[in-house]
Amino acid sequence: MALDAVIHQPARLQIMAALCQLKPRTQVDFGFLKEKLGLTDGNLGAHLLTLEEAAYIAVEKTFVGRRPKTFLSATAAGRRAFAAHVAALQAILEDGN
C-alpha cells in the first residue's frame, strides 16, 4: 500500500480526518474547520481546493440569510482514499515491529 500524496500533507490529513469522522453526507461549514484546525482562511482555502480537485471533498456554496456560507463534506471517493491512507500508515507501523 502506498501513502496518498494528496492526503499526506498535514493540514489536508487533518481536514480529511475531521470530515471522515462525520456520518456520510454530513456537512460542516468553513468556519467550523477553520476554528477546529487553527488554519487561516487562505491556508484552509488552498488545501480545500486541492482536496476538491482530487474529488475527495464536496464544496457547496450557498447563502444563509444574506451571508455567504461554504459547506464541506467528504465524498465516497475521499472516504475510500482516507481509509486506504490510514491503512498504509498502519502497515508501516506494523512493519516496524
PDB file of N, CA and C in Angstrom:
ATOM      1  N   MET A   1       0.839  -1.192   0.000  1.00  0.00           N
ATOM      2  CA  MET A   1       0.000   0.000   0.000  1.00  0.00           C
ATOM      3  C   MET A   1       0.879   1.249   0.000  1.00  0.00           C
ATOM      4  N   ALA A   2       0.442   2.248  -0.726  1.00  0.00           N
ATOM      5  CA  ALA A   2       1.196   3.493  -0.809  1.00  0.00           C
ATOM      6  C   ALA A   2       0.437   4.606  -0.095  1.00  0.00           C
ATOM      7  N   LEU A   3       1.200   5.542   0.449  1.00  0.00           N
ATOM      8  CA  LEU A   3       0.587   6.720   1.043  1.00  0.00           C
ATOM      9  C   LEU A   3       0.023   7.592  -0.071  1.00  0.00           C
ATOM     10  N   ASP A   4      -1.067   8.281   0.219  1.00  0.00           N
ATOM     11  CA  ASP A   4      -1.711   9.174  -0.742  1.00  0.00           C
ATOM     12  C   ASP A   4      -1.071  10.553  -0.610  1.00  0.00           C
ATOM     13  N   ALA A   5      -0.385  10.998  -1.652  1.00  0.00           N
ATOM     14  CA  ALA A   5       0.334  12.271  -1.606  1.00  0.00           C
ATOM     15  C   ALA A   5      -0.595  13.463  -1.377  1.00  0.00           C
ATOM     16  N   VAL A   6      -1.816  13.381  -1.862  1.00  0.00           N
ATOM     17  CA  VAL A   6      -2.764  14.482  -1.658  1.00  0.00           C
ATOM     18  C   VAL A   6      -3.158  14.574  -0.186  1.00  0.00           C
ATOM     19  N   ILE A   7      -3.434  13.446   0.424  1.00  0.00           N
ATOM     20  CA  ILE A   7      -3.880  13.433   1.820  1.00  0.00           C
ATOM     21  C   ILE A   7      -2.715  13.573   2.792  1.00  0.00           C
ATOM     22  N   HIS A   8      -1.539  13.137   2.423  1.00  0.00           N
ATOM     23  CA  HIS A   8      -0.420  13.041   3.362  1.00  0.00           C
ATOM     24  C   HIS A   8       0.008  14.381   3.957  1.00  0.00           C
ATOM     25  N   GLN A   9      -0.170  15.466   3.236  1.00  0.00           N
ATOM     26  CA  GLN A   9       0.213  16.784   3.758  1.00  0.00           C
ATOM     27  C   GLN A   9      -0.545  17.009   5.068  1.00  0.00           C
ATOM     28  N   PRO A  10       0.128  17.475   6.142  1.00  0.00           N
ATOM     29  CA  PRO A  10      -0.501  17.535   7.476  1.00  0.00           C
ATOM     30  C   PRO A  10      -1.850  18.249   7.560  1.00  0.00           C
ATOM     31  N   ALA A  11      -1.991  19.402   6.947  1.00  0.00           N
ATOM     32  CA  ALA A  11      -3.277  20.117   7.032  1.00  0.00           C
ATOM     33  C   ALA A  11      -4.378  19.343   6.310  1.00  0.00           C
ATOM     34  N   ARG A  12      -4.053  18.780   5.149  1.00  0.00           N
ATOM     35  CA  ARG A  12      -5.063  18.008   4.415  1.00  0.00           C
ATOM     36  C   ARG A  12      -5.413  16.712   5.142  1.00  0.00           C
ATOM     37  N   LEU A  13      -4.448  16.114   5.804  1.00  0.00           N
ATOM     38  CA  LEU A  13      -4.715  14.932   6.617  1.00  0.00           C
ATOM     39  C   LEU A  13      -5.684  15.281   7.745  1.00  0.00           C
ATOM     40  N   GLN A  14      -5.480  16.411   8.383  1.00  0.00           N
ATOM     41  CA  GLN A  14      -6.385  16.861   9.446  1.00  0.00           C
ATOM     42  C   GLN A  14      -7.783  17.152   8.900  1.00  0.00           C
ATOM     43  N   ILE A  15      -7.854  17.794   7.747  1.00  0.00           N
ATOM     44  CA  ILE A  15      -9.152  18.099   7.136  1.00  0.00           C
ATOM     45  C   ILE A  15      -9.904  16.804   6.845  1.00  0.00           C
ATOM     46  N   MET A  16      -9.227  15.853   6.210  1.00  0.00           N
ATOM     47  CA  MET A  16      -9.880  14.592   5.882  1.00  0.00           C
ATOM     48  C   MET A  16     -10.278  13.824   7.136  1.00  0.00           C
ATOM     49  N   ALA A  17      -9.445  13.843   8.154  1.00  0.00           N
ATOM     50  CA  ALA A  17      -9.784  13.160   9.405  1.00  0.00           C
ATOM     51  C   ALA A  17     -11.032  13.792  10.019  1.00  0.00           C
ATOM     52  N   ALA A  18     -11.086  15.118  10.014  1.00  0.00           N
ATOM     53  CA  ALA A  18     -12.244  15.822  10.587  1.00  0.00           C
ATOM     54  C   ALA A  18     -13.520  15.507   9.805  1.00  0.00           C
ATOM     55  N   LEU A  19     -13.434  15.465   8.478  1.00  0.00           N
ATOM     56  CA  LEU A  19     -14.622  15.216   7.662  1.00  0.00           C
ATOM     57  C   LEU A  19     -15.026  13.744   7.656  1.00  0.00           C
ATOM     58  N   CYS A  20     -14.051  12.851   7.677  1.00  0.00           N
ATOM     59  CA  CYS A  20     -14.365  11.422   7.602  1.00  0.00           C
ATOM     60  C   CYS A  20     -14.898  10.856   8.909  1.00  0.00           C
ATOM     61  N   GLN A  21     -14.685  11.556  10.013  1.00  0.00           N
ATOM     62  CA  GLN A  21     -15.243  11.065  11.267  1.00  0.00           C
ATOM     63  C   GLN A  21     -16.730  11.383  11.377  1.00  0.00           C
ATOM     64  N   LEU A  22     -17.242  12.207  10.466  1.00  0.00           N
ATOM     65  CA  LEU A  22     -18.669  12.524  10.433  1.00  0.00           C
ATOM     66  C   LEU A  22     -19.424  11.430   9.683  1.00  0.00           C
ATOM     67  N   LYS A  23     -20.715  11.362   9.886  1.00  0.00           N
ATOM     68  CA  LYS A  23     -21.533  10.422   9.122  1.00  0.00           C
ATOM     69  C   LYS A  23     -21.481  10.811   7.645  1.00  0.00           C
ATOM     70  N   PRO A  24     -21.603   9.830   6.741  1.00  0.00           N
ATOM     71  CA  PRO A  24     -21.596  10.155   5.302  1.00  0.00           C
ATOM     72  C   PRO A  24     -22.633  11.226   4.953  1.00  0.00           C
ATOM     73  N   ARG A  25     -22.244  12.092   4.051  1.00  0.00           N
ATOM     74  CA  ARG A  25     -23.062  13.198   3.541  1.00  0.00           C
ATOM     75  C   ARG A  25     -23.338  14.287   4.578  1.00  0.00           C
ATOM     76  N   THR A  26     -22.698  14.211   5.749  1.00  0.00           N
ATOM     77  CA  THR A  26     -22.821  15.277   6.744  1.00  0.00           C
ATOM     78  C   THR A  26     -21.883  16.404   6.350  1.00  0.00           C
ATOM     79  N   GLN A  27     -22.404  17.626   6.414  1.00  0.00           N
ATOM     80  CA  GLN A  27     -21.614  18.797   6.043  1.00  0.00           C
ATOM     81  C   GLN A  27     -21.227  19.605   7.274  1.00  0.00           C
ATOM     82  N   VAL A  28     -20.084  20.277   7.177  1.00  0.00           N
ATOM     83  CA  VAL A  28     -19.681  21.267   8.169  1.00  0.00           C
ATOM     84  C   VAL A  28     -19.376  22.546   7.410  1.00  0.00           C
ATOM     85  N   ASP A  29     -19.404  23.655   8.107  1.00  0.00           N
ATOM     86  CA  ASP A  29     -19.096  24.892   7.394  1.00  0.00           C
ATOM     87  C   ASP A  29     -17.611  25.237   7.522  1.00  0.00           C
ATOM     88  N   PHE A  30     -17.187  26.109   6.638  1.00  0.00           N
ATOM     89  CA  PHE A  30     -15.798  26.535   6.542  1.00  0.00           C
ATOM     90  C   PHE A  30     -15.288  27.021   7.894  1.00  0.00           C
ATOM     91  N   GLY A  31     -16.084  27.831   8.577  1.00  0.00           N
ATOM     92  CA  GLY A  31     -15.681  28.387   9.867  1.00  0.00           C
ATOM     93  C   GLY A  31     -15.410  27.316  10.914  1.00  0.00           C
ATOM     94  N   PHE A  32     -16.208  26.247  10.882  1.00  0.00           N
ATOM     95  CA  PHE A  32     -16.000  25.138  11.818  1.00  0.00           C
ATOM     96  C   PHE A  32     -14.614  24.536  11.625  1.00  0.00           C
ATOM     97  N   LEU A  33     -14.268  24.226  10.364  1.00  0.00           N
ATOM     98  CA  LEU A  33     -12.950  23.635  10.100  1.00  0.00           C
ATOM     99  C   LEU A  33     -11.829  24.612  10.411  1.00  0.00           C
ATOM    100  N   LYS A  34     -12.025  25.845  10.063  1.00  0.00           N
ATOM    101  CA  LYS A  34     -11.007  26.867  10.325  1.00  0.00           C
ATOM    102  C   LYS A  34     -10.696  26.924  11.818  1.00  0.00           C
ATOM    103  N   GLU A  35     -11.727  26.959  12.634  1.00  0.00           N
ATOM    104  CA  GLU A  35     -11.538  27.030  14.085  1.00  0.00           C
ATOM    105  C   GLU A  35     -10.971  25.723  14.633  1.00  0.00           C
ATOM    106  N   LYS A  36     -11.510  24.605  14.191  1.00  0.00           N
ATOM    107  CA  LYS A  36     -11.086  23.290  14.689  1.00  0.00           C
ATOM    108  C   LYS A  36      -9.611  23.027  14.398  1.00  0.00           C
ATOM    109  N   LEU A  37      -9.160  23.432  13.217  1.00  0.00           N
ATOM    110  CA  LEU A  37      -7.796  23.122  12.795  1.00  0.00           C
ATOM    111  C   LEU A  37      -6.814  24.272  13.012  1.00  0.00           C
ATOM    112  N   GLY A  38      -7.318  25.455  13.336  1.00  0.00           N
ATOM    113  CA  GLY A  38      -6.450  26.596  13.583  1.00  0.00           C
ATOM    114  C   GLY A  38      -5.722  27.091  12.343  1.00  0.00           C
ATOM    115  N   LEU A  39      -6.397  27.032  11.197  1.00  0.00           N
ATOM    116  CA  LEU A  39      -5.808  27.482   9.941  1.00  0.00           C
ATOM    117  C   LEU A  39      -6.349  28.856   9.558  1.00  0.00           C
ATOM    118  N   THR A  40      -5.590  29.577   8.755  1.00  0.00           N
ATOM    119  CA  THR A  40      -6.077  30.856   8.237  1.00  0.00           C
ATOM    120  C   THR A  40      -7.045  30.593   7.089  1.00  0.00           C
ATOM    121  N   ASP A  41      -7.826  31.599   6.731  1.00  0.00           N
ATOM    122  CA  ASP A  41      -8.755  31.473   5.604  1.00  0.00           C
ATOM    123  C   ASP A  41      -8.026  31.027   4.340  1.00  0.00           C
ATOM    124  N   GLY A  42      -6.926  31.707   4.021  1.00  0.00           N
ATOM    125  CA  GLY A  42      -6.189  31.414   2.798  1.00  0.00           C
ATOM    126  C   GLY A  42      -5.576  30.025   2.796  1.00  0.00           C
ATOM    127  N   ASN A  43      -4.995  29.625   3.926  1.00  0.00           N
ATOM    128  CA  ASN A  43      -4.371  28.313   4.022  1.00  0.00           C
ATOM    129  C   ASN A  43      -5.425  27.214   3.894  1.00  0.00           C
ATOM    130  N   LEU A  44      -6.515  27.346   4.640  1.00  0.00           N
ATOM    131  CA  LEU A  44      -7.583  26.358   4.568  1.00  0.00           C
ATOM    132  C   LEU A  44      -8.167  26.309   3.156  1.00  0.00           C
ATOM    133  N   GLY A  45      -8.414  27.462   2.574  1.00  0.00           N
ATOM    134  CA  GLY A  45      -8.978  27.517   1.224  1.00  0.00           C
ATOM    135  C   GLY A  45      -8.103  26.822   0.197  1.00  0.00           C
ATOM    136  N   ALA A  46      -6.792  27.003   0.289  1.00  0.00           N
ATOM    137  CA  ALA A  46      -5.868  26.368  -0.658  1.00  0.00           C
ATOM    138  C   ALA A  46      -5.900  24.846  -0.511  1.00  0.00           C
ATOM    139  N   HIS A  47      -5.925  24.369   0.724  1.00  0.00           N
ATOM    140  CA  HIS A  47      -5.955  22.917   0.944  1.00  0.00           C
ATOM    141  C   HIS A  47      -7.299  22.324   0.526  1.00  0.00           C
ATOM    142  N   LEU A  48      -8.373  23.051   0.754  1.00  0.00           N
ATOM    143  CA  LEU A  48      -9.687  22.572   0.324  1.00  0.00           C
ATOM    144  C   LEU A  48      -9.758  22.462  -1.192  1.00  0.00           C
ATOM    145  N   LEU A  49      -9.157  23.418  -1.889  1.00  0.00           N
ATOM    146  CA  LEU A  49      -9.145  23.376  -3.345  1.00  0.00           C
ATOM    147  C   LEU A  49      -8.413  22.131  -3.847  1.00  0.00           C
ATOM    148  N   THR A  50      -7.283  21.815  -3.234  1.00  0.00           N
ATOM    149  CA  THR A  50      -6.534  20.612  -3.624  1.00  0.00           C
ATOM    150  C   THR A  50      -7.374  19.362  -3.407  1.00  0.00           C
ATOM    151  N   LEU A  51      -8.047  19.282  -2.258  1.00  0.00           N
ATOM    152  CA  LEU A  51      -8.890  18.120  -1.964  1.00  0.00           C
ATOM    153  C   LEU A  51     -10.099  18.059  -2.890  1.00  0.00           C
ATOM    154  N   GLU A  52     -10.662  19.213  -3.220  1.00  0.00           N
ATOM    155  CA  GLU A  52     -11.805  19.252  -4.136  1.00  0.00           C
ATOM    156  C   GLU A  52     -11.380  18.817  -5.538  1.00  0.00           C
ATOM    157  N   GLU A  53     -10.227  19.264  -6.004  1.00  0.00           N
ATOM    158  CA  GLU A  53      -9.738  18.878  -7.323  1.00  0.00           C
ATOM    159  C   GLU A  53      -9.479  17.376  -7.412  1.00  0.00           C
ATOM    160  N   ALA A  54      -9.134  16.759  -6.287  1.00  0.00           N
ATOM    161  CA  ALA A  54      -8.923  15.308  -6.244  1.00  0.00           C
ATOM    162  C   ALA A  54     -10.234  14.553  -6.065  1.00  0.00           C
ATOM    163  N   ALA A  55     -11.345  15.282  -5.941  1.00  0.00           N
ATOM    164  CA  ALA A  55     -12.688  14.724  -5.727  1.00  0.00           C
ATOM    165  C   ALA A  55     -12.813  14.024  -4.381  1.00  0.00           C
ATOM    166  N   TYR A  56     -12.010  14.456  -3.403  1.00  0.00           N
ATOM    167  CA  TYR A  56     -12.062  13.889  -2.058  1.00  0.00           C
ATOM    168  C   TYR A  56     -13.073  14.605  -1.168  1.00  0.00           C
ATOM    169  N   ILE A  57     -13.410  15.837  -1.524  1.00  0.00           N
ATOM    170  CA  ILE A  57     -14.421  16.574  -0.762  1.00  0.00           C
ATOM    171  C   ILE A  57     -15.412  17.215  -1.723  1.00  0.00           C
ATOM    172  N   ALA A  58     -16.600  17.482  -1.196  1.00  0.00           N
ATOM    173  CA  ALA A  58     -17.605  18.242  -1.942  1.00  0.00           C
ATOM    174  C   ALA A  58     -17.725  19.603  -1.272  1.00  0.00           C
ATOM    175  N   VAL A  59     -17.807  20.636  -2.080  1.00  0.00           N
ATOM    176  CA  VAL A  59     -17.920  22.010  -1.588  1.00  0.00           C
ATOM    177  C   VAL A  59     -19.236  22.576  -2.096  1.00  0.00           C
ATOM    178  N   GLU A  60     -20.041  23.065  -1.177  1.00  0.00           N
ATOM    179  CA  GLU A  60     -21.320  23.679  -1.546  1.00  0.00           C
ATOM    180  C   GLU A  60     -21.332  25.115  -1.029  1.00  0.00           C
ATOM    181  N   LYS A  61     -21.462  26.049  -1.953  1.00  0.00           N
ATOM    182  CA  LYS A  61     -21.527  27.460  -1.584  1.00  0.00           C
ATOM    183  C   LYS A  61     -22.968  27.915  -1.684  1.00  0.00           C
ATOM    184  N   THR A  62     -23.430  28.551  -0.629  1.00  0.00           N
ATOM    185  CA  THR A  62     -24.821  28.984  -0.566  1.00  0.00           C
ATOM    186  C   THR A  62     -24.911  30.245   0.281  1.00  0.00           C
ATOM    187  N   PHE A  63     -26.123  30.697   0.510  1.00  0.00           N
ATOM    188  CA  PHE A  63     -26.350  31.841   1.383  1.00  0.00           C
ATOM    189  C   PHE A  63     -27.229  31.405   2.540  1.00  0.00           C
ATOM    190  N   VAL A  64     -26.892  31.863   3.714  1.00  0.00           N
ATOM    191  CA  VAL A  64     -27.728  31.693   4.892  1.00  0.00           C
ATOM    192  C   VAL A  64     -28.131  33.112   5.268  1.00  0.00           C
ATOM    193  N   GLY A  65     -29.408  33.420   5.036  1.00  0.00           N
ATOM    194  CA  GLY A  65     -29.821  34.810   5.133  1.00  0.00           C
ATOM    195  C   GLY A  65     -29.139  35.568   4.015  1.00  0.00           C
ATOM    196  N   ARG A  66     -28.426  36.612   4.366  1.00  0.00           N
ATOM    197  CA  ARG A  66     -27.692  37.391   3.368  1.00  0.00           C
ATOM    198  C   ARG A  66     -26.205  37.039   3.333  1.00  0.00           C
ATOM    199  N   ARG A  67     -25.796  36.126   4.172  1.00  0.00           N
ATOM    200  CA  ARG A  67     -24.369  35.826   4.298  1.00  0.00           C
ATOM    201  C   ARG A  67     -23.981  34.598   3.482  1.00  0.00           C
ATOM    202  N   PRO A  68     -22.881  34.697   2.741  1.00  0.00           N
ATOM    203  CA  PRO A  68     -22.396  33.524   2.008  1.00  0.00           C
ATOM    204  C   PRO A  68     -21.837  32.486   2.980  1.00  0.00           C
ATOM    205  N   LYS A  69     -22.095  31.233   2.707  1.00  0.00           N
ATOM    206  CA  LYS A  69     -21.600  30.139   3.542  1.00  0.00           C
ATOM    207  C   LYS A  69     -21.049  29.057   2.627  1.00  0.00           C
ATOM    208  N   THR A  70     -19.976  28.445   3.066  1.00  0.00           N
ATOM    209  CA  THR A  70     -19.379  27.325   2.357  1.00  0.00           C
ATOM    210  C   THR A  70     -19.503  26.095   3.230  1.00  0.00           C
ATOM    211  N   PHE A  71     -20.121  25.059   2.694  1.00  0.00           N
ATOM    212  CA  PHE A  71     -20.293  23.805   3.409  1.00  0.00           C
ATOM    213  C   PHE A  71     -19.436  22.729   2.750  1.00  0.00           C
ATOM    214  N   LEU A  72     -18.871  21.863   3.571  1.00  0.00           N
ATOM    215  CA  LEU A  72     -17.916  20.865   3.101  1.00  0.00           C
ATOM    216  C   LEU A  72     -18.295  19.484   3.603  1.00  0.00           C
ATOM    217  N   SER A  73     -18.019  18.482   2.791  1.00  0.00           N
ATOM    218  CA  SER A  73     -18.227  17.103   3.207  1.00  0.00           C
ATOM    219  C   SER A  73     -17.231  16.214   2.475  1.00  0.00           C
ATOM    220  N   ALA A  74     -16.947  15.061   3.057  1.00  0.00           N
ATOM    221  CA  ALA A  74     -16.091  14.077   2.394  1.00  0.00           C
ATOM    222  C   ALA A  74     -16.936  13.307   1.392  1.00  0.00           C
ATOM    223  N   THR A  75     -16.393  13.087   0.218  1.00  0.00           N
ATOM    224  CA  THR A  75     -17.081  12.276  -0.798  1.00  0.00           C
ATOM    225  C   THR A  75     -16.808  10.793  -0.508  1.00  0.00           C
ATOM    226  N   ALA A  76     -17.535   9.932  -1.184  1.00  0.00           N
ATOM    227  CA  ALA A  76     -17.287   8.491  -1.044  1.00  0.00           C
ATOM    228  C   ALA A  76     -15.853   8.166  -1.477  1.00  0.00           C
ATOM    229  N   ALA A  77     -15.397   8.784  -2.556  1.00  0.00           N
ATOM    230  CA  ALA A  77     -14.022   8.565  -3.017  1.00  0.00           C
ATOM    231  C   ALA A  77     -13.017   9.076  -1.987  1.00  0.00           C
ATOM    232  N   GLY A  78     -13.331  10.195  -1.370  1.00  0.00           N
ATOM    233  CA  GLY A  78     -12.459  10.743  -0.338  1.00  0.00           C
ATOM    234  C   GLY A  78     -12.387   9.848   0.884  1.00  0.00           C
ATOM    235  N   ARG A  79     -13.521   9.287   1.270  1.00  0.00           N
ATOM    236  CA  ARG A  79     -13.538   8.364   2.411  1.00  0.00           C
ATOM    237  C   ARG A  79     -12.721   7.107   2.108  1.00  0.00           C
ATOM    238  N   ARG A  80     -12.832   6.598   0.885  1.00  0.00           N
ATOM    239  CA  ARG A  80     -12.045   5.419   0.497  1.00  0.00           C
ATOM    240  C   ARG A  80     -10.549   5.758   0.498  1.00  0.00           C
ATOM    241  N   ALA A  81     -10.200   6.908  -0.041  1.00  0.00           N
ATOM    242  CA  ALA A  81      -8.793   7.321  -0.101  1.00  0.00           C
ATOM    243  C   ALA A  81      -8.235   7.522   1.305  1.00  0.00           C
ATOM    244  N   PHE A  82      -9.027   8.121   2.180  1.00  0.00           N
ATOM    245  CA  PHE A  82      -8.575   8.336   3.555  1.00  0.00           C
ATOM    246  C   PHE A  82      -8.377   6.995   4.264  1.00  0.00           C
ATOM    247  N   ALA A  83      -9.322   6.074   4.101  1.00  0.00           N
ATOM    248  CA  ALA A  83      -9.206   4.752   4.727  1.00  0.00           C
ATOM    249  C   ALA A  83      -7.966   4.019   4.205  1.00  0.00           C
ATOM    250  N   ALA A  84      -7.697   4.123   2.914  1.00  0.00           N
ATOM    251  CA  ALA A  84      -6.513   3.480   2.341  1.00  0.00           C
ATOM    252  C   ALA A  84      -5.237   4.125   2.874  1.00  0.00           C
ATOM    253  N   HIS A  85      -5.247   5.437   3.034  1.00  0.00           N
ATOM    254  CA  HIS A  85      -4.078   6.145   3.569  1.00  0.00           C
ATOM    255  C   HIS A  85      -3.819   5.708   5.006  1.00  0.00           C
ATOM    256  N   VAL A  86      -4.862   5.633   5.812  1.00  0.00           N
ATOM    257  CA  VAL A  86      -4.719   5.181   7.199  1.00  0.00           C
ATOM    258  C   VAL A  86      -4.199   3.741   7.230  1.00  0.00           C
ATOM    259  N   ALA A  87      -4.716   2.890   6.353  1.00  0.00           N
ATOM    260  CA  ALA A  87      -4.251   1.503   6.288  1.00  0.00           C
ATOM    261  C   ALA A  87      -2.768   1.442   5.913  1.00  0.00           C
ATOM    262  N   ALA A  88      -2.335   2.304   5.005  1.00  0.00           N
ATOM    263  CA  ALA A  88      -0.923   2.346   4.622  1.00  0.00           C
ATOM    264  C   ALA A  88      -0.054   2.778   5.798  1.00  0.00           C
ATOM    265  N   LEU A  89      -0.529   3.750   6.568  1.00  0.00           N
ATOM    266  CA  LEU A  89       0.203   4.169   7.769  1.00  0.00           C
ATOM    267  C   LEU A  89       0.282   3.032   8.782  1.00  0.00           C
ATOM    268  N   GLN A  90      -0.825   2.324   8.963  1.00  0.00           N
ATOM    269  CA  GLN A  90      -0.844   1.195   9.897  1.00  0.00           C
ATOM    270  C   GLN A  90       0.125   0.103   9.433  1.00  0.00           C
ATOM    271  N   ALA A  91       0.192  -0.145   8.133  1.00  0.00           N
ATOM    272  CA  ALA A  91       1.103  -1.157   7.609  1.00  0.00           C
ATOM    273  C   ALA A  91       2.551  -0.771   7.887  1.00  0.00           C
ATOM    274  N   ILE A  92       2.872   0.502   7.769  1.00  0.00           N
ATOM    275  CA  ILE A  92       4.231   0.975   8.071  1.00  0.00           C
ATOM    276  C   ILE A  92       4.536   0.724   9.545  1.00  0.00           C
ATOM    277  N   LEU A  93       3.585   1.035  10.417  1.00  0.00           N
ATOM    278  CA  LEU A  93       3.787   0.811  11.848  1.00  0.00           C
ATOM    279  C   LEU A  93       3.965  -0.664  12.166  1.00  0.00           C
ATOM    280  N   GLU A  94       3.191  -1.509  11.528  1.00  0.00           N
ATOM    281  CA  GLU A  94       3.274  -2.951  11.777  1.00  0.00           C
ATOM    282  C   GLU A  94       4.585  -3.531  11.247  1.00  0.00           C
ATOM    283  N   ASP A  95       5.097  -2.993  10.163  1.00  0.00           N
ATOM    284  CA  ASP A  95       6.378  -3.467   9.613  1.00  0.00           C
ATOM    285  C   ASP A  95       7.541  -3.141  10.543  1.00  0.00           C
ATOM    286  N   GLY A  96       7.342  -2.140  11.385  1.00  0.00           N
ATOM    287  CA  GLY A  96       8.397  -1.728  12.316  1.00  0.00           C
ATOM    288  C   GLY A  96       8.511  -2.642  13.525  1.00  0.00           C
ATOM    289  N   ASN A  97       7.559  -3.530  13.727  1.00  0.00           N
ATOM    290  CA  ASN A  97       7.576  -4.405  14.915  1.00  0.00           C
ATOM    291  C   ASN A  97       8.250  -5.715  14.633  1.00  0.00           C
TER     292      ASN A  97
END
